[in-house]
């Protein structure tokens, strides 16, 4: 997964053609059958045009539950489980696809990753 995300980020940066980014990179995961689709990119202050495999999209607005994971990307499942537990304990349910925001690169010993998961009251 790391190689795919790295390639996607490089492709997006190429498509931006020098346009500034407005925050750290993210990846959004959509469940599809037994697997998932991955969307990876950067927030930008102005819309961009599609270029090759790079297409503009928008992260959803509204209520999200968030948590920060500090450590290996391989251990992110525990952070997702914690959010699911918070949903159950607080009367919420998932209302869209989650995304991860990467505050540090993979070269950092304990990278920080914010998980944001759209939700709604049950």
PDB file of N, CA and C in Angstrom:
ATOM      1  N   UNK A   1       0.831  -1.193   0.000  1.00  0.00           N
ATOM      2  CA  UNK A   1       0.000   0.000   0.000  1.00  0.00           C
ATOM      3  C   UNK A   1       0.876   1.258   0.000  1.00  0.00           C
ATOM      4  N   UNK A   2       1.966   1.225   0.760  1.00  0.00           N
ATOM      5  CA  UNK A   2       2.835   2.390   0.833  1.00  0.00           C
ATOM      6  C   UNK A   2       3.388   2.802  -0.524  1.00  0.00           C
ATOM      7  N   UNK A   3       3.772   1.820  -1.346  1.00  0.00           N
ATOM      8  CA  UNK A   3       4.293   2.138  -2.677  1.00  0.00           C
ATOM      9  C   UNK A   3       3.212   2.796  -3.533  1.00  0.00           C
ATOM     10  N   UNK A   4       1.978   2.265  -3.449  1.00  0.00           N
ATOM     11  CA  UNK A   4       0.874   2.838  -4.221  1.00  0.00           C
ATOM     12  C   UNK A   4       0.610   4.289  -3.800  1.00  0.00           C
ATOM     13  N   UNK A   5       0.538   4.509  -2.495  1.00  0.00           N
ATOM     14  CA  UNK A   5       0.254   5.861  -1.991  1.00  0.00           C
ATOM     15  C   UNK A   5       1.364   6.828  -2.408  1.00  0.00           C
ATOM     16  N   UNK A   6       2.612   6.387  -2.280  1.00  0.00           N
ATOM     17  CA  UNK A   6       3.733   7.241  -2.686  1.00  0.00           C
ATOM     18  C   UNK A   6       3.658   7.611  -4.154  1.00  0.00           C
ATOM     19  N   UNK A   7       3.355   6.636  -5.017  1.00  0.00           N
ATOM     20  CA  UNK A   7       3.209   6.909  -6.445  1.00  0.00           C
ATOM     21  C   UNK A   7       2.055   7.873  -6.691  1.00  0.00           C
ATOM     22  N   UNK A   8       0.931   7.657  -6.019  1.00  0.00           N
ATOM     23  CA  UNK A   8      -0.228   8.539  -6.191  1.00  0.00           C
ATOM     24  C   UNK A   8       0.113   9.970  -5.794  1.00  0.00           C
ATOM     25  N   UNK A   9       0.813  10.142  -4.674  1.00  0.00           N
ATOM     26  CA  UNK A   9       1.183  11.498  -4.250  1.00  0.00           C
ATOM     27  C   UNK A   9       2.102  12.162  -5.285  1.00  0.00           C
ATOM     28  N   UNK A  10       3.041  11.409  -5.854  1.00  0.00           N
ATOM     29  CA  UNK A  10       3.933  11.976  -6.874  1.00  0.00           C
ATOM     30  C   UNK A  10       3.142  12.378  -8.118  1.00  0.00           C
ATOM     31  N   UNK A  11       2.171  11.540  -8.525  1.00  0.00           N
ATOM     32  CA  UNK A  11       1.355  11.876  -9.693  1.00  0.00           C
ATOM     33  C   UNK A  11       0.528  13.133  -9.446  1.00  0.00           C
ATOM     34  N   UNK A  12      -0.037  13.246  -8.255  1.00  0.00           N
ATOM     35  CA  UNK A  12      -0.832  14.438  -7.930  1.00  0.00           C
ATOM     36  C   UNK A  12       0.051  15.676  -7.936  1.00  0.00           C
ATOM     37  N   UNK A  13       1.229  15.595  -7.328  1.00  0.00           N
ATOM     38  CA  UNK A  13       2.121  16.763  -7.311  1.00  0.00           C
ATOM     39  C   UNK A  13       2.493  17.174  -8.734  1.00  0.00           C
ATOM     40  N   UNK A  14       2.697  16.196  -9.634  1.00  0.00           N
ATOM     41  CA  UNK A  14       2.980  16.518 -11.024  1.00  0.00           C
ATOM     42  C   UNK A  14       1.817  17.216 -11.697  1.00  0.00           C
ATOM     43  N   UNK A  15       0.600  16.773 -11.394  1.00  0.00           N
ATOM     44  CA  UNK A  15      -0.600  17.383 -11.984  1.00  0.00           C
ATOM     45  C   UNK A  15      -0.837  18.790 -11.456  1.00  0.00           C
ATOM     46  N   UNK A  16      -0.357  19.073 -10.263  1.00  0.00           N
ATOM     47  CA  UNK A  16      -0.551  20.412  -9.697  1.00  0.00           C
ATOM     48  C   UNK A  16       0.292  21.461 -10.411  1.00  0.00           C
ATOM     49  N   UNK A  17       1.351  21.024 -11.067  1.00  0.00           N
ATOM     50  CA  UNK A  17       2.211  21.929 -11.850  1.00  0.00           C
ATOM     51  C   UNK A  17       2.592  23.183 -11.071  1.00  0.00           C
ATOM     52  N   UNK A  18       3.053  22.984  -9.868  1.00  0.00           N
ATOM     53  CA  UNK A  18       3.529  24.114  -9.078  1.00  0.00           C
ATOM     54  C   UNK A  18       2.471  24.824  -8.261  1.00  0.00           C
ATOM     55  N   UNK A  19       1.192  24.463  -8.427  1.00  0.00           N
ATOM     56  CA  UNK A  19       0.140  25.075  -7.610  1.00  0.00           C
ATOM     57  C   UNK A  19       0.401  24.709  -6.152  1.00  0.00           C
ATOM     58  N   UNK A  20       0.237  25.643  -5.235  1.00  0.00           N
ATOM     59  CA  UNK A  20       0.513  25.326  -3.828  1.00  0.00           C
ATOM     60  C   UNK A  20      -0.520  24.353  -3.252  1.00  0.00           C
ATOM     61  N   UNK A  21      -0.063  23.592  -2.279  1.00  0.00           N
ATOM     62  CA  UNK A  21      -0.987  22.739  -1.530  1.00  0.00           C
ATOM     63  C   UNK A  21      -1.394  23.482  -0.275  1.00  0.00           C
ATOM     64  N   UNK A  22      -2.525  23.080   0.300  1.00  0.00           N
ATOM     65  CA  UNK A  22      -3.107  23.801   1.429  1.00  0.00           C
ATOM     66  C   UNK A  22      -3.188  22.925   2.674  1.00  0.00           C
ATOM     67  N   UNK A  23      -2.287  21.946   2.784  1.00  0.00           N
ATOM     68  CA  UNK A  23      -2.290  21.066   3.937  1.00  0.00           C
ATOM     69  C   UNK A  23      -1.566  19.773   3.630  1.00  0.00           C
ATOM     70  N   UNK A  24      -1.509  18.889   4.608  1.00  0.00           N
ATOM     71  CA  UNK A  24      -0.788  17.630   4.424  1.00  0.00           C
ATOM     72  C   UNK A  24      -1.545  16.655   3.531  1.00  0.00           C
ATOM     73  N   UNK A  25      -0.849  15.654   2.992  1.00  0.00           N
ATOM     74  CA  UNK A  25      -1.488  14.678   2.118  1.00  0.00           C
ATOM     75  C   UNK A  25      -2.502  13.822   2.866  1.00  0.00           C
ATOM     76  N   UNK A  26      -3.433  13.264   2.085  1.00  0.00           N
ATOM     77  CA  UNK A  26      -4.475  12.404   2.659  1.00  0.00           C
ATOM     78  C   UNK A  26      -4.728  11.233   1.728  1.00  0.00           C
ATOM     79  N   UNK A  27      -5.361  10.212   2.256  1.00  0.00           N
ATOM     80  CA  UNK A  27      -5.880   9.094   1.459  1.00  0.00           C
ATOM     81  C   UNK A  27      -7.250   8.740   2.003  1.00  0.00           C
ATOM     82  N   UNK A  28      -8.224   8.578   1.104  1.00  0.00           N
ATOM     83  CA  UNK A  28      -9.586   8.200   1.488  1.00  0.00           C
ATOM     84  C   UNK A  28      -9.852   6.790   0.974  1.00  0.00           C
ATOM     85  N   UNK A  29     -10.475   5.982   1.812  1.00  0.00           N
ATOM     86  CA  UNK A  29     -10.700   4.567   1.519  1.00  0.00           C
ATOM     87  C   UNK A  29     -12.192   4.291   1.388  1.00  0.00           C
ATOM     88  N   UNK A  30     -12.591   3.701   0.252  1.00  0.00           N
ATOM     89  CA  UNK A  30     -13.985   3.343   0.000  1.00  0.00           C
ATOM     90  C   UNK A  30     -14.086   1.830  -0.132  1.00  0.00           C
ATOM     91  N   UNK A  31     -14.930   1.211   0.688  1.00  0.00           N
ATOM     92  CA  UNK A  31     -15.119  -0.235   0.626  1.00  0.00           C
ATOM     93  C   UNK A  31     -15.840  -0.608  -0.672  1.00  0.00           C
ATOM     94  N   UNK A  32     -15.291  -1.597  -1.368  1.00  0.00           N
ATOM     95  CA  UNK A  32     -15.869  -2.097  -2.608  1.00  0.00           C
ATOM     96  C   UNK A  32     -15.769  -3.611  -2.566  1.00  0.00           C
ATOM     97  N   UNK A  33     -16.912  -4.277  -2.344  1.00  0.00           N
ATOM     98  CA  UNK A  33     -16.898  -5.739  -2.239  1.00  0.00           C
ATOM     99  C   UNK A  33     -16.001  -6.195  -1.108  1.00  0.00           C
ATOM    100  N   UNK A  34     -15.049  -7.061  -1.436  1.00  0.00           N
ATOM    101  CA  UNK A  34     -14.112  -7.577  -0.438  1.00  0.00           C
ATOM    102  C   UNK A  34     -12.862  -6.728  -0.306  1.00  0.00           C
ATOM    103  N   UNK A  35     -12.769  -5.643  -1.051  1.00  0.00           N
ATOM    104  CA  UNK A  35     -11.581  -4.787  -1.019  1.00  0.00           C
ATOM    105  C   UNK A  35     -11.966  -3.334  -0.850  1.00  0.00           C
ATOM    106  N   UNK A  36     -11.133  -2.455  -1.349  1.00  0.00           N
ATOM    107  CA  UNK A  36     -11.415  -1.029  -1.243  1.00  0.00           C
ATOM    108  C   UNK A  36     -10.723  -0.276  -2.355  1.00  0.00           C
ATOM    109  N   UNK A  37     -11.284   0.888  -2.684  1.00  0.00           N
ATOM    110  CA  UNK A  37     -10.667   1.848  -3.590  1.00  0.00           C
ATOM    111  C   UNK A  37      -9.944   2.875  -2.736  1.00  0.00           C
ATOM    112  N   UNK A  38      -8.867   3.409  -3.268  1.00  0.00           N
ATOM    113  CA  UNK A  38      -8.088   4.412  -2.542  1.00  0.00           C
ATOM    114  C   UNK A  38      -8.002   5.675  -3.383  1.00  0.00           C
ATOM    115  N   UNK A  39      -8.275   6.781  -2.755  1.00  0.00           N
ATOM    116  CA  UNK A  39      -8.115   8.100  -3.364  1.00  0.00           C
ATOM    117  C   UNK A  39      -7.033   8.800  -2.561  1.00  0.00           C
ATOM    118  N   UNK A  40      -6.011   9.307  -3.219  1.00  0.00           N
ATOM    119  CA  UNK A  40      -4.903   9.952  -2.509  1.00  0.00           C
ATOM    120  C   UNK A  40      -4.639  11.319  -3.114  1.00  0.00           C
ATOM    121  N   UNK A  41      -4.350  12.300  -2.264  1.00  0.00           N
ATOM    122  CA  UNK A  41      -4.088  13.622  -2.793  1.00  0.00           C
ATOM    123  C   UNK A  41      -3.694  14.618  -1.732  1.00  0.00           C
ATOM    124  N   UNK A  42      -3.847  15.874  -2.086  1.00  0.00           N
ATOM    125  CA  UNK A  42      -3.514  17.004  -1.226  1.00  0.00           C
ATOM    126  C   UNK A  42      -4.646  18.016  -1.283  1.00  0.00           C
ATOM    127  N   UNK A  43      -4.956  18.668  -0.177  1.00  0.00           N
ATOM    128  CA  UNK A  43      -5.914  19.780  -0.272  1.00  0.00           C
ATOM    129  C   UNK A  43      -5.251  20.944  -1.012  1.00  0.00           C
ATOM    130  N   UNK A  44      -6.017  21.592  -1.860  1.00  0.00           N
ATOM    131  CA  UNK A  44      -5.511  22.733  -2.627  1.00  0.00           C
ATOM    132  C   UNK A  44      -6.487  23.899  -2.488  1.00  0.00           C
ATOM    133  N   UNK A  45      -5.972  25.122  -2.561  1.00  0.00           N
ATOM    134  CA  UNK A  45      -6.854  26.285  -2.393  1.00  0.00           C
ATOM    135  C   UNK A  45      -7.726  26.567  -3.604  1.00  0.00           C
ATOM    136  N   UNK A  46      -7.345  26.078  -4.771  1.00  0.00           N
ATOM    137  CA  UNK A  46      -8.104  26.311  -6.004  1.00  0.00           C
ATOM    138  C   UNK A  46      -8.342  24.976  -6.697  1.00  0.00           C
ATOM    139  N   UNK A  47      -9.484  24.820  -7.380  1.00  0.00           N
ATOM    140  CA  UNK A  47      -9.739  23.575  -8.109  1.00  0.00           C
ATOM    141  C   UNK A  47      -8.659  23.314  -9.157  1.00  0.00           C
ATOM    142  N   UNK A  48      -8.437  22.033  -9.453  1.00  0.00           N
ATOM    143  CA  UNK A  48      -7.483  21.658 -10.491  1.00  0.00           C
ATOM    144  C   UNK A  48      -8.228  20.934 -11.609  1.00  0.00           C
ATOM    145  N   UNK A  49      -7.595  20.869 -12.769  1.00  0.00           N
ATOM    146  CA  UNK A  49      -8.152  20.125 -13.901  1.00  0.00           C
ATOM    147  C   UNK A  49      -7.651  18.684 -13.836  1.00  0.00           C
ATOM    148  N   UNK A  50      -8.432  17.766 -14.368  1.00  0.00           N
ATOM    149  CA  UNK A  50      -8.007  16.377 -14.460  1.00  0.00           C
ATOM    150  C   UNK A  50      -6.775  16.298 -15.351  1.00  0.00           C
ATOM    151  N   UNK A  51      -5.861  15.381 -14.996  1.00  0.00           N
ATOM    152  CA  UNK A  51      -4.639  15.180 -15.782  1.00  0.00           C
ATOM    153  C   UNK A  51      -4.206  13.728 -15.632  1.00  0.00           C
ATOM    154  N   UNK A  52      -4.378  12.949 -16.688  1.00  0.00           N
ATOM    155  CA  UNK A  52      -4.028  11.532 -16.611  1.00  0.00           C
ATOM    156  C   UNK A  52      -4.918  10.816 -15.612  1.00  0.00           C
ATOM    157  N   UNK A  53      -4.290  10.130 -14.653  1.00  0.00           N
ATOM    158  CA  UNK A  53      -5.063   9.418 -13.626  1.00  0.00           C
ATOM    159  C   UNK A  53      -5.498  10.324 -12.481  1.00  0.00           C
ATOM    160  N   UNK A  54      -5.082  11.573 -12.494  1.00  0.00           N
ATOM    161  CA  UNK A  54      -5.413  12.507 -11.418  1.00  0.00           C
ATOM    162  C   UNK A  54      -6.720  13.212 -11.751  1.00  0.00           C
ATOM    163  N   UNK A  55      -7.684  13.106 -10.818  1.00  0.00           N
ATOM    164  CA  UNK A  55      -8.982  13.743 -10.983  1.00  0.00           C
ATOM    165  C   UNK A  55      -9.289  14.553  -9.736  1.00  0.00           C
ATOM    166  N   UNK A  56      -9.889  15.730  -9.887  1.00  0.00           N
ATOM    167  CA  UNK A  56     -10.253  16.507  -8.711  1.00  0.00           C
ATOM    168  C   UNK A  56     -11.400  15.853  -7.954  1.00  0.00           C
ATOM    169  N   UNK A  57     -11.431  16.044  -6.664  1.00  0.00           N
ATOM    170  CA  UNK A  57     -12.536  15.574  -5.826  1.00  0.00           C
ATOM    171  C   UNK A  57     -12.623  16.488  -4.618  1.00  0.00           C
ATOM    172  N   UNK A  58     -13.609  16.239  -3.783  1.00  0.00           N
ATOM    173  CA  UNK A  58     -13.829  17.049  -2.602  1.00  0.00           C
ATOM    174  C   UNK A  58     -14.068  16.141  -1.414  1.00  0.00           C
ATOM    175  N   UNK A  59     -13.379  16.416  -0.318  1.00  0.00           N
ATOM    176  CA  UNK A  59     -13.686  15.701   0.920  1.00  0.00           C
ATOM    177  C   UNK A  59     -14.997  16.244   1.459  1.00  0.00           C
ATOM    178  N   UNK A  60     -15.806  15.400   2.088  1.00  0.00           N
ATOM    179  CA  UNK A  60     -17.118  15.844   2.541  1.00  0.00           C
ATOM    180  C   UNK A  60     -17.034  16.799   3.735  1.00  0.00           C
ATOM    181  N   UNK A  61     -18.014  17.667   3.826  1.00  0.00           N
ATOM    182  CA  UNK A  61     -18.171  18.495   5.013  1.00  0.00           C
ATOM    183  C   UNK A  61     -19.101  17.790   5.990  1.00  0.00           C
ATOM    184  N   UNK A  62     -19.274  18.356   7.147  1.00  0.00           N
ATOM    185  CA  UNK A  62     -20.194  17.779   8.118  1.00  0.00           C
ATOM    186  C   UNK A  62     -19.465  17.227   9.328  1.00  0.00           C
ATOM    187  N   UNK A  63     -20.186  16.437  10.097  1.00  0.00           N
ATOM    188  CA  UNK A  63     -19.669  15.886  11.347  1.00  0.00           C
ATOM    189  C   UNK A  63     -18.716  14.732  11.060  1.00  0.00           C
ATOM    190  N   UNK A  64     -17.549  14.773  11.681  1.00  0.00           N
ATOM    191  CA  UNK A  64     -16.592  13.672  11.580  1.00  0.00           C
ATOM    192  C   UNK A  64     -16.062  13.357  12.974  1.00  0.00           C
ATOM    193  N   UNK A  65     -15.792  12.085  13.187  1.00  0.00           N
ATOM    194  CA  UNK A  65     -15.067  11.664  14.388  1.00  0.00           C
ATOM    195  C   UNK A  65     -13.614  11.539  13.973  1.00  0.00           C
ATOM    196  N   UNK A  66     -12.715  12.028  14.811  1.00  0.00           N
ATOM    197  CA  UNK A  66     -11.298  11.964  14.480  1.00  0.00           C
ATOM    198  C   UNK A  66     -10.500  11.395  15.635  1.00  0.00           C
ATOM    199  N   UNK A  67      -9.396  10.786  15.273  1.00  0.00           N
ATOM    200  CA  UNK A  67      -8.430  10.331  16.258  1.00  0.00           C
ATOM    201  C   UNK A  67      -7.057  10.427  15.625  1.00  0.00           C
ATOM    202  N   UNK A  68      -6.032  10.548  16.446  1.00  0.00           N
ATOM    203  CA  UNK A  68      -4.669  10.557  15.937  1.00  0.00           C
ATOM    204  C   UNK A  68      -3.969   9.272  16.353  1.00  0.00           C
ATOM    205  N   UNK A  69      -3.385   8.616  15.386  1.00  0.00           N
ATOM    206  CA  UNK A  69      -2.563   7.434  15.633  1.00  0.00           C
ATOM    207  C   UNK A  69      -1.104   7.863  15.542  1.00  0.00           C
ATOM    208  N   UNK A  70      -0.303   7.465  16.510  1.00  0.00           N
ATOM    209  CA  UNK A  70       1.128   7.718  16.473  1.00  0.00           C
ATOM    210  C   UNK A  70       1.814   6.365  16.452  1.00  0.00           C
ATOM    211  N   UNK A  71       2.500   6.083  15.361  1.00  0.00           N
ATOM    212  CA  UNK A  71       3.180   4.805  15.235  1.00  0.00           C
ATOM    213  C   UNK A  71       3.076   4.258  13.828  1.00  0.00           C
ATOM    214  N   UNK A  72       3.422   3.007  13.687  1.00  0.00           N
ATOM    215  CA  UNK A  72       3.479   2.334  12.397  1.00  0.00           C
ATOM    216  C   UNK A  72       2.130   2.369  11.678  1.00  0.00           C
ATOM    217  N   UNK A  73       2.201   2.556  10.366  1.00  0.00           N
ATOM    218  CA  UNK A  73       0.982   2.493   9.559  1.00  0.00           C
ATOM    219  C   UNK A  73       0.344   1.111   9.661  1.00  0.00           C
ATOM    220  N   UNK A  74       1.150   0.090   9.904  1.00  0.00           N
ATOM    221  CA  UNK A  74       0.634  -1.279  10.025  1.00  0.00           C
ATOM    222  C   UNK A  74      -0.301  -1.433  11.221  1.00  0.00           C
ATOM    223  N   UNK A  75      -0.228  -0.507  12.178  1.00  0.00           N
ATOM    224  CA  UNK A  75      -1.043  -0.593  13.390  1.00  0.00           C
ATOM    225  C   UNK A  75      -2.263   0.319  13.364  1.00  0.00           C
ATOM    226  N   UNK A  76      -2.611   0.868  12.213  1.00  0.00           N
ATOM    227  CA  UNK A  76      -3.749   1.792  12.120  1.00  0.00           C
ATOM    228  C   UNK A  76      -5.088   1.139  12.425  1.00  0.00           C
ATOM    229  N   UNK A  77      -5.191  -0.169  12.279  1.00  0.00           N
ATOM    230  CA  UNK A  77      -6.473  -0.847  12.520  1.00  0.00           C
ATOM    231  C   UNK A  77      -6.996  -0.575  13.926  1.00  0.00           C
ATOM    232  N   UNK A  78      -6.104  -0.463  14.905  1.00  0.00           N
ATOM    233  CA  UNK A  78      -6.529  -0.176  16.271  1.00  0.00           C
ATOM    234  C   UNK A  78      -7.194   1.184  16.394  1.00  0.00           C
ATOM    235  N   UNK A  79      -6.727   2.162  15.637  1.00  0.00           N
ATOM    236  CA  UNK A  79      -7.342   3.496  15.665  1.00  0.00           C
ATOM    237  C   UNK A  79      -8.745   3.447  15.055  1.00  0.00           C
ATOM    238  N   UNK A  80      -8.908   2.682  13.983  1.00  0.00           N
ATOM    239  CA  UNK A  80     -10.239   2.530  13.392  1.00  0.00           C
ATOM    240  C   UNK A  80     -11.183   1.827  14.372  1.00  0.00           C
ATOM    241  N   UNK A  81     -10.677   0.823  15.058  1.00  0.00           N
ATOM    242  CA  UNK A  81     -11.496   0.127  16.064  1.00  0.00           C
ATOM    243  C   UNK A  81     -11.897   1.075  17.187  1.00  0.00           C
ATOM    244  N   UNK A  82     -10.991   1.953  17.587  1.00  0.00           N
ATOM    245  CA  UNK A  82     -11.312   2.926  18.636  1.00  0.00           C
ATOM    246  C   UNK A  82     -12.426   3.857  18.186  1.00  0.00           C
ATOM    247  N   UNK A  83     -12.398   4.286  16.926  1.00  0.00           N
ATOM    248  CA  UNK A  83     -13.481   5.144  16.420  1.00  0.00           C
ATOM    249  C   UNK A  83     -14.801   4.388  16.383  1.00  0.00           C
ATOM    250  N   UNK A  84     -14.774   3.132  15.961  1.00  0.00           N
ATOM    251  CA  UNK A  84     -16.008   2.336  15.951  1.00  0.00           C
ATOM    252  C   UNK A  84     -16.552   2.176  17.370  1.00  0.00           C
ATOM    253  N   UNK A  85     -15.669   2.002  18.335  1.00  0.00           N
ATOM    254  CA  UNK A  85     -16.097   1.921  19.729  1.00  0.00           C
ATOM    255  C   UNK A  85     -16.703   3.233  20.196  1.00  0.00           C
ATOM    256  N   UNK A  86     -16.106   4.344  19.776  1.00  0.00           N
ATOM    257  CA  UNK A  86     -16.653   5.664  20.140  1.00  0.00           C
ATOM    258  C   UNK A  86     -18.037   5.836  19.525  1.00  0.00           C
ATOM    259  N   UNK A  87     -18.208   5.438  18.269  1.00  0.00           N
ATOM    260  CA  UNK A  87     -19.533   5.507  17.635  1.00  0.00           C
ATOM    261  C   UNK A  87     -20.562   4.789  18.503  1.00  0.00           C
ATOM    262  N   UNK A  88     -20.264   3.542  18.854  1.00  0.00           N
ATOM    263  CA  UNK A  88     -21.207   2.716  19.617  1.00  0.00           C
ATOM    264  C   UNK A  88     -21.499   3.305  20.991  1.00  0.00           C
ATOM    265  N   UNK A  89     -20.486   3.815  21.663  1.00  0.00           N
ATOM    266  CA  UNK A  89     -20.651   4.336  23.017  1.00  0.00           C
ATOM    267  C   UNK A  89     -21.359   5.688  23.054  1.00  0.00           C
ATOM    268  N   UNK A  90     -21.364   6.412  21.926  1.00  0.00           N
ATOM    269  CA  UNK A  90     -21.896   7.773  21.923  1.00  0.00           C
ATOM    270  C   UNK A  90     -23.090   7.971  21.002  1.00  0.00           C
ATOM    271  N   UNK A  91     -23.671   6.878  20.504  1.00  0.00           N
ATOM    272  CA  UNK A  91     -24.878   6.989  19.691  1.00  0.00           C
ATOM    273  C   UNK A  91     -24.642   7.527  18.290  1.00  0.00           C
ATOM    274  N   UNK A  92     -23.539   7.159  17.682  1.00  0.00           N
ATOM    275  CA  UNK A  92     -23.236   7.588  16.315  1.00  0.00           C
ATOM    276  C   UNK A  92     -23.021   6.371  15.439  1.00  0.00           C
ATOM    277  N   UNK A  93     -23.064   6.617  14.133  1.00  0.00           N
ATOM    278  CA  UNK A  93     -22.746   5.587  13.159  1.00  0.00           C
ATOM    279  C   UNK A  93     -21.982   6.227  12.012  1.00  0.00           C
ATOM    280  N   UNK A  94     -21.223   5.398  11.299  1.00  0.00           N
ATOM    281  CA  UNK A  94     -20.481   5.894  10.147  1.00  0.00           C
ATOM    282  C   UNK A  94     -21.458   6.424   9.106  1.00  0.00           C
ATOM    283  N   UNK A  95     -21.074   7.510   8.432  1.00  0.00           N
ATOM    284  CA  UNK A  95     -21.939   8.122   7.421  1.00  0.00           C
ATOM    285  C   UNK A  95     -21.138   8.481   6.170  1.00  0.00           C
ATOM    286  N   UNK A  96     -20.131   7.686   5.873  1.00  0.00           N
ATOM    287  CA  UNK A  96     -19.307   7.946   4.692  1.00  0.00           C
ATOM    288  C   UNK A  96     -17.964   7.269   4.842  1.00  0.00           C
ATOM    289  N   UNK A  97     -17.133   7.478   3.864  1.00  0.00           N
ATOM    290  CA  UNK A  97     -15.824   6.844   3.838  1.00  0.00           C
ATOM    291  C   UNK A  97     -14.802   7.630   4.656  1.00  0.00           C
ATOM    292  N   UNK A  98     -13.987   6.933   5.439  1.00  0.00           N
ATOM    293  CA  UNK A  98     -12.960   7.606   6.238  1.00  0.00           C
ATOM    294  C   UNK A  98     -11.769   8.014   5.380  1.00  0.00           C
ATOM    295  N   UNK A  99     -11.005   8.968   5.896  1.00  0.00           N
ATOM    296  CA  UNK A  99      -9.743   9.314   5.250  1.00  0.00           C
ATOM    297  C   UNK A  99      -8.667   9.491   6.315  1.00  0.00           C
ATOM    298  N   UNK A 100      -7.437   9.302   5.871  1.00  0.00           N
ATOM    299  CA  UNK A 100      -6.270   9.455   6.733  1.00  0.00           C
ATOM    300  C   UNK A 100      -5.485  10.664   6.260  1.00  0.00           C
ATOM    301  N   UNK A 101      -5.045  11.490   7.197  1.00  0.00           N
ATOM    302  CA  UNK A 101      -4.192  12.632   6.902  1.00  0.00           C
ATOM    303  C   UNK A 101      -2.830  12.332   7.507  1.00  0.00           C
ATOM    304  N   UNK A 102      -1.798  12.425   6.689  1.00  0.00           N
ATOM    305  CA  UNK A 102      -0.449  12.036   7.100  1.00  0.00           C
ATOM    306  C   UNK A 102       0.361  13.273   7.471  1.00  0.00           C
ATOM    307  N   UNK A 103       0.596  13.431   8.773  1.00  0.00           N
ATOM    308  CA  UNK A 103       1.334  14.591   9.253  1.00  0.00           C
ATOM    309  C   UNK A 103       2.836  14.408   9.125  1.00  0.00           C
ATOM    310  N   UNK A 104       3.279  13.165   9.003  1.00  0.00           N
ATOM    311  CA  UNK A 104       4.696  12.843   8.862  1.00  0.00           C
ATOM    312  C   UNK A 104       4.851  11.830   7.740  1.00  0.00           C
ATOM    313  N   UNK A 105       6.048  11.772   7.177  1.00  0.00           N
ATOM    314  CA  UNK A 105       6.333  10.783   6.151  1.00  0.00           C
ATOM    315  C   UNK A 105       6.723   9.445   6.757  1.00  0.00           C
ATOM    316  N   UNK A 106       6.811   8.429   5.917  1.00  0.00           N
ATOM    317  CA  UNK A 106       7.130   7.087   6.399  1.00  0.00           C
ATOM    318  C   UNK A 106       8.549   6.961   6.954  1.00  0.00           C
ATOM    319  N   UNK A 107       9.400   7.954   6.708  1.00  0.00           N
ATOM    320  CA  UNK A 107      10.764   7.897   7.230  1.00  0.00           C
ATOM    321  C   UNK A 107      10.836   8.215   8.726  1.00  0.00           C
ATOM    322  N   UNK A 108       9.751   8.746   9.294  1.00  0.00           N
ATOM    323  CA  UNK A 108       9.701   9.080  10.720  1.00  0.00           C
ATOM    324  C   UNK A 108       9.439   7.797  11.516  1.00  0.00           C
ATOM    325  N   UNK A 109      10.154   7.633  12.629  1.00  0.00           N
ATOM    326  CA  UNK A 109      10.012   6.409  13.429  1.00  0.00           C
ATOM    327  C   UNK A 109       8.586   6.170  13.909  1.00  0.00           C
ATOM    328  N   UNK A 110       7.909   7.206  14.352  1.00  0.00           N
ATOM    329  CA  UNK A 110       6.535   7.082  14.847  1.00  0.00           C
ATOM    330  C   UNK A 110       5.683   8.150  14.154  1.00  0.00           C
ATOM    331  N   UNK A 111       5.310   7.912  12.872  1.00  0.00           N
ATOM    332  CA  UNK A 111       4.551   8.926  12.149  1.00  0.00           C
ATOM    333  C   UNK A 111       3.174   9.160  12.759  1.00  0.00           C
ATOM    334  N   UNK A 112       2.714  10.405  12.632  1.00  0.00           N
ATOM    335  CA  UNK A 112       1.393  10.792  13.121  1.00  0.00           C
ATOM    336  C   UNK A 112       0.402  10.761  11.963  1.00  0.00           C
ATOM    337  N   UNK A 113      -0.714  10.061  12.192  1.00  0.00           N
ATOM    338  CA  UNK A 113      -1.767   9.938  11.190  1.00  0.00           C
ATOM    339  C   UNK A 113      -3.093  10.296  11.840  1.00  0.00           C
ATOM    340  N   UNK A 114      -3.800  11.253  11.256  1.00  0.00           N
ATOM    341  CA  UNK A 114      -5.144  11.603  11.730  1.00  0.00           C
ATOM    342  C   UNK A 114      -6.149  10.823  10.893  1.00  0.00           C
ATOM    343  N   UNK A 115      -7.058  10.131  11.565  1.00  0.00           N
ATOM    344  CA  UNK A 115      -8.142   9.439  10.879  1.00  0.00           C
ATOM    345  C   UNK A 115      -9.410  10.255  11.090  1.00  0.00           C
ATOM    346  N   UNK A 116     -10.081  10.584  10.005  1.00  0.00           N
ATOM    347  CA  UNK A 116     -11.346  11.326  10.047  1.00  0.00           C
ATOM    348  C   UNK A 116     -12.420  10.444   9.425  1.00  0.00           C
ATOM    349  N   UNK A 117     -13.523  10.262  10.171  1.00  0.00           N
ATOM    350  CA  UNK A 117     -14.584   9.367   9.693  1.00  0.00           C
ATOM    351  C   UNK A 117     -15.922  10.088   9.795  1.00  0.00           C
ATOM    352  N   UNK A 118     -16.546  10.408   8.653  1.00  0.00           N
ATOM    353  CA  UNK A 118     -17.860  11.052   8.705  1.00  0.00           C
ATOM    354  C   UNK A 118     -18.846  10.191   9.509  1.00  0.00           C
ATOM    355  N   UNK A 119     -19.678  10.872  10.301  1.00  0.00           N
ATOM    356  CA  UNK A 119     -20.614  10.136  11.134  1.00  0.00           C
ATOM    357  C   UNK A 119     -21.891  10.947  11.344  1.00  0.00           C
ATOM    358  N   UNK A 120     -22.889  10.258  11.871  1.00  0.00           N
ATOM    359  CA  UNK A 120     -24.165  10.906  12.189  1.00  0.00           C
ATOM    360  C   UNK A 120     -24.753  10.221  13.414  1.00  0.00           C
ATOM    361  N   UNK A 121     -25.596  10.950  14.118  1.00  0.00           N
ATOM    362  CA  UNK A 121     -26.279  10.379  15.280  1.00  0.00           C
ATOM    363  C   UNK A 121     -27.233   9.282  14.817  1.00  0.00           C
ATOM    364  N   UNK A 122     -27.354   8.233  15.645  1.00  0.00           N
ATOM    365  CA  UNK A 122     -28.261   7.120  15.288  1.00  0.00           C
ATOM    366  C   UNK A 122     -29.663   7.423  15.760  1.00  0.00           C
TER     367      UNK A 122
END
